Amino acid sequence: MAVKHTPTKEVHQGHKGGKTGCGFDTTVQADHWVNSNERITCAKNGCK
């Protein structure tokens, strides 16, 4: 599952309501995160 940060358009591994693979908490400013089927674009450890 992937989650997209809408302001930056970056796609991370994870899901809305939890944490991304690289450690972002998607419950903080939850309106900035959407579940996505797009390819992961984050190059940080945990996402790639």
Protein backbone atom coordinates (compact mmCIF):
# COMPACT_ATOMS: atom_id res chain seq x y z
CA MET A 1 0.00 0.00 0.00
CA ALA A 2 1.19 3.51 -0.73
CA VAL A 3 0.23 6.86 0.74
CA LYS A 4 0.65 10.20 -1.03
CA HIS A 5 1.55 13.51 0.65
CA THR A 6 -0.58 15.93 -1.35
CA PRO A 7 1.41 19.19 -0.76
CA THR A 8 4.68 17.64 -2.01
CA LYS A 9 3.13 14.97 -4.29
CA GLU A 10 5.62 12.45 -2.82
CA VAL A 11 4.41 8.84 -2.55
CA HIS A 12 5.55 6.81 0.48
CA GLN A 13 5.17 3.19 1.58
CA GLY A 14 2.49 2.88 4.25
CA HIS A 15 -1.15 3.85 4.70
CA LYS A 16 -3.23 6.76 5.93
CA GLY A 17 -3.75 6.65 9.70
CA GLY A 18 -0.36 5.12 10.49
CA LYS A 19 3.29 5.73 9.71
CA THR A 20 5.14 5.70 6.42
CA GLY A 21 8.10 3.41 5.82
CA CYS A 22 10.52 6.29 6.45
CA GLY A 23 8.79 7.41 9.66
CA PHE A 24 6.29 10.18 8.83
CA ASP A 25 3.15 10.05 11.02
CA THR A 26 0.14 10.31 8.69
CA THR A 27 -2.24 11.13 11.56
CA VAL A 28 -0.61 14.56 11.91
CA GLN A 29 -2.31 16.86 9.36
CA ALA A 30 -4.28 13.86 8.09
CA ASP A 31 -5.90 15.97 5.35
CA HIS A 32 -2.46 16.15 3.66
CA TRP A 33 -2.33 12.34 3.16
CA VAL A 34 -4.31 10.11 0.78
CA ASN A 35 -4.07 6.37 0.13
CA SER A 36 -2.74 5.76 -3.36
CA ASN A 37 -1.94 3.02 -5.86
CA GLU A 38 0.84 5.10 -7.42
CA ARG A 39 4.47 4.03 -7.58
CA ILE A 40 6.48 4.93 -4.45
CA THR A 41 8.68 8.00 -5.14
CA CYS A 42 10.29 8.45 -1.70
CA ALA A 43 13.96 7.40 -1.77
CA LYS A 44 14.49 7.31 2.01
CA ASN A 45 15.26 4.11 3.94
CA GLY A 46 12.08 2.21 4.73
CA CYS A 47 10.16 3.39 1.68
CA LYS A 48 12.44 2.16 -1.14
